[in-house]
Amino acid sequence: MAAGKTIPVKSTRSASNRQATFDFTPPRPRPFLADLPRRIDSYEEGVARFFQWRTGHDYYAAVDQLVEFVINTRRRKVVDLLADTATFSLRLAGSKSFEGRVYAFDNNITLLERARQRARHLKLDTVVEFLEFTEPRWPLPDCFADIAVSIFDLHRRDAGQFLSETIRILVPEGYLLLAEMIEPKSQRNRMSLLWKRAVIRYLQKDPDESQGVYYDREELVGLIFAAGFRQVVIQELRAPATSHSGVLSLVAATK
């Protein structure tokens, strides 16, 4: 852990900082998606179920914790590095405490169109913009974003390339905010990960996800510093079950 300026991670639910009240209930009804195939609307439900199984953490609660962090920074230009379900971007854009703009990227045009429809229905299309991109480079100029957000996606990427590209698009003093599993390198945890990979590959039929690379705390901090970030703060989003267990963590890196 590097010494230096501490990045504030505050709950907006405290008595001294009531910026917003967030809804931690299950997903809200989405009748406005009736004109899209049912299988597209069910995609988010599948993502939420997988996230719960893989991390032990409720998907919507985790997203709202990231939303709270972003609001507390008072930054205005936010990049969602992979929109996916668009849950984070839409919840941030819909918060009355957020006064900025969100730029959300994805390489899946079907998910992007779904996200645009939801934004129009919620009258958020002036706050959030959904854009297509081709990996690994985001079509943004250098020093564009105040905050870049990645939710449970780093393990699928070339970490060095991903972090170098992210630091490029951030302004000086900008933040990279990651929500990712941190996995200790114990033998017991290695066996657990092998079992989970087998389930993902052969039962859930997702070979790409099964090849995900997870890091322990020291490895992740080393990668972030090697990319050029000057400070890293890590906060576990829940207590690990044992010293051998992986834990979903919020990682905030300062350029």
Protein backbone atom coordinates (compact mmCIF):
# COMPACT_ATOMS: atom_id res chain seq x y z
CA MET A 1 0.00 0.00 0.00
CA ALA A 2 1.47 3.34 -0.97
CA ALA A 3 1.58 6.27 1.39
CA GLY A 4 0.16 9.61 0.38
CA LYS A 5 -3.13 11.35 -0.02
CA THR A 6 -6.04 9.16 1.01
CA ILE A 7 -8.85 8.68 -1.45
CA PRO A 8 -12.13 9.24 0.42
CA VAL A 9 -14.42 6.23 0.44
CA LYS A 10 -17.49 7.44 2.29
CA SER A 11 -21.00 6.12 2.58
CA THR A 12 -23.65 8.56 1.42
CA ARG A 13 -25.96 6.92 3.94
CA SER A 14 -24.16 8.43 6.96
CA ALA A 15 -25.78 11.17 9.03
CA SER A 16 -23.04 13.66 8.12
CA ASN A 17 -23.12 13.08 4.37
CA ARG A 18 -26.63 12.52 3.04
CA GLN A 19 -26.02 13.10 -0.62
CA ALA A 20 -28.32 10.35 -1.85
CA THR A 21 -30.33 7.36 -0.82
CA PHE A 22 -29.71 4.26 -2.91
CA ASP A 23 -32.04 1.38 -3.56
CA PHE A 24 -30.47 -1.97 -2.70
CA THR A 25 -33.56 -3.98 -3.70
CA PRO A 26 -33.58 -6.53 -6.56
CA PRO A 27 -33.76 -5.28 -10.15
CA ARG A 28 -36.59 -2.94 -11.01
CA PRO A 29 -39.26 -3.83 -13.59
CA ARG A 30 -38.27 -2.93 -17.16
CA PRO A 31 -41.50 -2.93 -19.23
CA PHE A 32 -39.96 -0.52 -21.74
CA LEU A 33 -37.80 -3.35 -23.06
CA ALA A 34 -40.79 -5.22 -24.41
CA ASP A 35 -39.80 -4.38 -28.00
CA LEU A 36 -36.45 -6.17 -27.61
CA PRO A 37 -36.13 -9.97 -27.59
CA ARG A 38 -36.87 -11.52 -24.20
CA ARG A 39 -33.45 -13.16 -24.17
CA ILE A 40 -31.79 -9.71 -24.22
CA ASP A 41 -33.77 -8.49 -21.22
CA SER A 42 -32.89 -11.70 -19.35
CA TYR A 43 -29.17 -11.08 -19.94
CA GLU A 44 -28.90 -8.74 -16.95
CA GLU A 45 -30.60 -11.28 -14.70
CA GLY A 46 -28.02 -13.86 -15.78
CA VAL A 47 -25.15 -11.43 -15.12
CA ALA A 48 -26.51 -10.70 -11.64
CA ARG A 49 -26.84 -14.42 -10.83
CA PHE A 50 -23.30 -15.18 -12.06
CA PHE A 51 -21.88 -12.22 -10.15
CA GLN A 52 -23.54 -13.43 -6.94
CA TRP A 53 -22.25 -16.98 -7.46
CA ARG A 54 -18.70 -15.94 -8.35
CA THR A 55 -18.17 -13.12 -5.83
CA GLY A 56 -20.66 -13.90 -3.03
CA HIS A 57 -21.83 -10.27 -3.31
CA ASP A 58 -25.14 -8.88 -4.58
CA TYR A 59 -24.63 -7.33 -8.01
CA TYR A 60 -26.83 -4.30 -7.45
CA ALA A 61 -25.41 -3.57 -3.99
CA ALA A 62 -21.87 -3.66 -5.44
CA VAL A 63 -22.83 -1.34 -8.28
CA ASP A 64 -24.41 1.12 -5.87
CA GLN A 65 -21.27 1.17 -3.74
CA LEU A 66 -19.31 2.26 -6.81
CA VAL A 67 -21.95 4.88 -7.58
CA GLU A 68 -21.57 6.26 -4.06
CA PHE A 69 -17.79 6.44 -4.43
CA VAL A 70 -18.01 8.36 -7.71
CA ILE A 71 -20.51 10.84 -6.29
CA ASN A 72 -18.34 11.44 -3.23
CA THR A 73 -15.38 12.42 -5.42
CA ARG A 74 -17.42 15.28 -6.94
CA ARG A 75 -15.85 14.50 -10.33
CA ARG A 76 -17.92 15.25 -13.42
CA LYS A 77 -16.58 13.33 -16.42
CA VAL A 78 -16.93 9.56 -15.90
CA VAL A 79 -16.02 6.77 -18.32
CA ASP A 80 -17.61 3.35 -17.89
CA LEU A 81 -14.98 1.16 -19.53
CA LEU A 82 -17.42 -1.66 -20.28
CA ALA A 83 -21.11 -0.81 -20.07
CA ASP A 84 -22.36 -4.42 -20.29
CA THR A 85 -25.75 -4.33 -18.52
CA ALA A 86 -25.56 -0.50 -18.25
CA THR A 87 -26.66 -0.80 -14.62
CA PHE A 88 -23.78 1.30 -13.26
CA SER A 89 -24.04 4.04 -15.89
CA LEU A 90 -27.80 4.41 -15.59
CA ARG A 91 -27.81 4.40 -11.78
CA LEU A 92 -25.06 7.00 -11.67
CA ALA A 93 -26.71 9.16 -14.35
CA GLY A 94 -30.06 8.89 -12.53
CA SER A 95 -28.72 10.06 -9.18
CA LYS A 96 -29.76 13.59 -8.27
CA SER A 97 -26.39 14.03 -6.57
CA PHE A 98 -24.44 13.44 -9.79
CA GLU A 99 -23.86 16.61 -11.80
CA GLY A 100 -21.59 15.28 -14.51
CA ARG A 101 -21.77 13.18 -17.66
CA VAL A 102 -21.15 9.48 -18.27
CA TYR A 103 -19.51 7.98 -21.36
CA ALA A 104 -20.16 4.23 -21.46
CA PHE A 105 -18.44 1.89 -23.92
CA ASP A 106 -19.14 -1.60 -25.15
CA ASN A 107 -18.29 -3.70 -28.19
CA ASN A 108 -21.69 -5.43 -28.24
CA ILE A 109 -24.07 -3.36 -30.39
CA THR A 110 -27.16 -5.22 -29.11
CA LEU A 111 -26.36 -4.36 -25.50
CA LEU A 112 -25.62 -0.77 -26.52
CA GLU A 113 -28.98 -0.38 -28.24
CA ARG A 114 -30.72 -1.83 -25.21
CA ALA A 115 -28.87 0.63 -22.99
CA ARG A 116 -29.80 3.56 -25.23
CA GLN A 117 -33.48 2.58 -25.09
CA ARG A 118 -33.36 2.41 -21.30
CA ALA A 119 -31.64 5.80 -21.13
CA ARG A 120 -34.30 7.38 -23.37
CA HIS A 121 -37.11 5.83 -21.34
CA LEU A 122 -35.59 7.16 -18.11
CA LYS A 123 -34.90 10.56 -19.73
CA LEU A 124 -31.20 10.16 -19.03
CA ASP A 125 -29.93 10.31 -22.61
CA THR A 126 -28.64 13.86 -22.04
CA VAL A 127 -26.53 12.61 -19.10
CA VAL A 128 -25.16 9.29 -20.37
CA GLU A 129 -23.87 8.43 -23.82
CA PHE A 130 -23.40 4.82 -24.97
CA LEU A 131 -20.61 4.31 -27.50
CA GLU A 132 -19.16 1.39 -29.45
CA PHE A 133 -15.44 0.67 -29.30
CA THR A 134 -12.96 -1.94 -30.52
CA GLU A 135 -10.57 -3.37 -27.94
CA PRO A 136 -8.08 -2.57 -26.65
CA ARG A 137 -8.15 1.19 -27.30
CA TRP A 138 -10.97 3.50 -26.23
CA PRO A 139 -11.66 6.23 -28.84
CA LEU A 140 -10.90 9.04 -26.39
CA PRO A 141 -8.18 11.69 -26.34
CA ASP A 142 -5.44 11.69 -23.74
CA CYS A 143 -6.37 13.17 -20.34
CA PHE A 144 -10.11 13.01 -21.06
CA ALA A 145 -11.76 11.45 -17.99
CA ASP A 146 -11.91 12.37 -14.32
CA ILE A 147 -12.79 8.78 -13.37
CA ALA A 148 -12.66 5.49 -15.28
CA VAL A 149 -14.72 2.60 -13.89
CA SER A 150 -14.30 -1.14 -14.50
CA ILE A 151 -16.69 -3.59 -12.87
CA PHE A 152 -15.58 -7.24 -12.67
CA ASP A 153 -13.77 -7.10 -16.00
CA LEU A 154 -10.02 -6.75 -15.38
CA HIS A 155 -9.58 -10.53 -15.04
CA ARG A 156 -10.59 -10.93 -18.70
CA ARG A 157 -8.06 -8.39 -20.00
CA ASP A 158 -4.35 -8.13 -20.62
CA ALA A 159 -3.73 -6.26 -17.36
CA GLY A 160 -0.66 -4.31 -18.48
CA GLN A 161 -2.29 -3.14 -21.69
CA PHE A 162 -5.59 -2.37 -19.96
CA LEU A 163 -3.97 -0.28 -17.21
CA SER A 164 -1.69 1.61 -19.61
CA GLU A 165 -4.64 2.54 -21.81
CA THR A 166 -6.68 3.57 -18.78
CA ILE A 167 -4.00 5.88 -17.40
CA ARG A 168 -3.75 7.48 -20.86
CA ILE A 169 -7.38 8.64 -20.85
CA LEU A 170 -7.34 9.94 -17.26
CA VAL A 171 -6.60 13.54 -16.29
CA PRO A 172 -3.80 14.18 -13.78
CA GLU A 173 -5.16 13.28 -10.33
CA GLY A 174 -7.84 11.20 -12.05
CA TYR A 175 -9.05 7.91 -10.58
CA LEU A 176 -9.28 4.40 -11.92
CA LEU A 177 -11.97 2.58 -9.97
CA LEU A 178 -11.99 -1.23 -10.17
CA ALA A 179 -14.37 -3.73 -8.64
CA GLU A 180 -12.57 -7.07 -8.88
CA MET A 181 -11.90 -10.31 -7.04
CA ILE A 182 -8.60 -10.44 -5.19
CA GLU A 183 -7.50 -14.04 -4.86
CA PRO A 184 -4.79 -15.19 -2.40
CA LYS A 185 -2.23 -17.64 -3.74
CA SER A 186 -2.76 -20.34 -1.13
CA GLN A 187 -2.99 -23.98 -2.25
CA ARG A 188 -6.52 -24.26 -0.91
CA ASN A 189 -7.65 -21.26 -2.93
CA ARG A 190 -5.94 -22.57 -6.06
CA MET A 191 -8.01 -25.74 -5.78
CA SER A 192 -11.18 -23.70 -5.29
CA LEU A 193 -10.41 -21.63 -8.40
CA LEU A 194 -9.77 -24.76 -10.46
CA TRP A 195 -13.18 -26.11 -9.47
CA LYS A 196 -14.90 -22.80 -10.32
CA ARG A 197 -13.16 -22.67 -13.68
CA ALA A 198 -14.36 -26.18 -14.48
CA VAL A 199 -17.93 -25.22 -13.58
CA ILE A 200 -17.75 -22.09 -15.74
CA ARG A 201 -16.22 -23.90 -18.69
CA TYR A 202 -18.17 -27.14 -18.79
CA LEU A 203 -21.46 -26.44 -17.00
CA GLN A 204 -21.97 -22.76 -17.75
CA LYS A 205 -20.40 -23.13 -21.22
CA ASP A 206 -18.28 -19.98 -20.99
CA PRO A 207 -14.69 -20.92 -21.92
CA ASP A 208 -13.53 -17.28 -22.17
CA GLU A 209 -14.64 -16.47 -18.62
CA SER A 210 -13.06 -19.68 -17.36
CA GLN A 211 -9.66 -18.39 -18.51
CA GLY A 212 -9.88 -15.26 -16.37
CA VAL A 213 -6.69 -14.28 -14.50
CA TYR A 214 -7.08 -13.09 -10.91
CA TYR A 215 -4.40 -11.43 -8.79
CA ASP A 216 -3.57 -11.30 -5.13
CA ARG A 217 -3.24 -7.92 -3.41
CA GLU A 218 0.50 -7.47 -3.93
CA GLU A 219 0.40 -8.55 -7.58
CA LEU A 220 -2.42 -6.12 -8.36
CA VAL A 221 -0.76 -3.20 -6.59
CA GLY A 222 2.48 -3.94 -8.46
CA LEU A 223 0.70 -3.96 -11.83
CA ILE A 224 -1.04 -0.66 -11.09
CA PHE A 225 2.18 1.07 -10.06
CA ALA A 226 4.00 -0.36 -13.08
CA ALA A 227 1.39 1.31 -15.32
CA GLY A 228 2.26 4.70 -13.83
CA PHE A 229 -0.34 5.26 -11.14
CA ARG A 230 1.06 6.92 -8.02
CA GLN A 231 -1.25 5.61 -5.31
CA VAL A 232 -3.54 2.64 -4.69
CA VAL A 233 -6.22 2.18 -2.04
CA ILE A 234 -7.99 -1.18 -1.66
CA GLN A 235 -11.20 -1.73 0.28
CA GLU A 236 -12.79 -5.16 0.64
CA LEU A 237 -16.52 -5.00 -0.05
CA ARG A 238 -17.14 -7.85 2.37
CA ALA A 239 -15.11 -9.82 4.87
CA PRO A 240 -13.48 -12.93 3.32
CA ALA A 241 -14.90 -16.22 4.57
CA THR A 242 -11.38 -17.46 5.47
CA SER A 243 -7.79 -16.33 5.00
CA HIS A 244 -7.73 -18.53 1.88
CA SER A 245 -10.85 -17.04 0.30
CA GLY A 246 -10.99 -14.55 -2.54
CA VAL A 247 -12.85 -11.34 -1.83
CA LEU A 248 -14.57 -8.76 -4.03
CA SER A 249 -12.70 -5.49 -3.53
CA LEU A 250 -12.94 -1.86 -4.53
CA VAL A 251 -9.59 -0.68 -5.90
CA ALA A 252 -9.02 3.06 -6.36
CA ALA A 253 -5.85 4.11 -8.16
CA THR A 254 -4.78 7.75 -8.53
CA LYS A 255 -2.92 8.93 -11.63
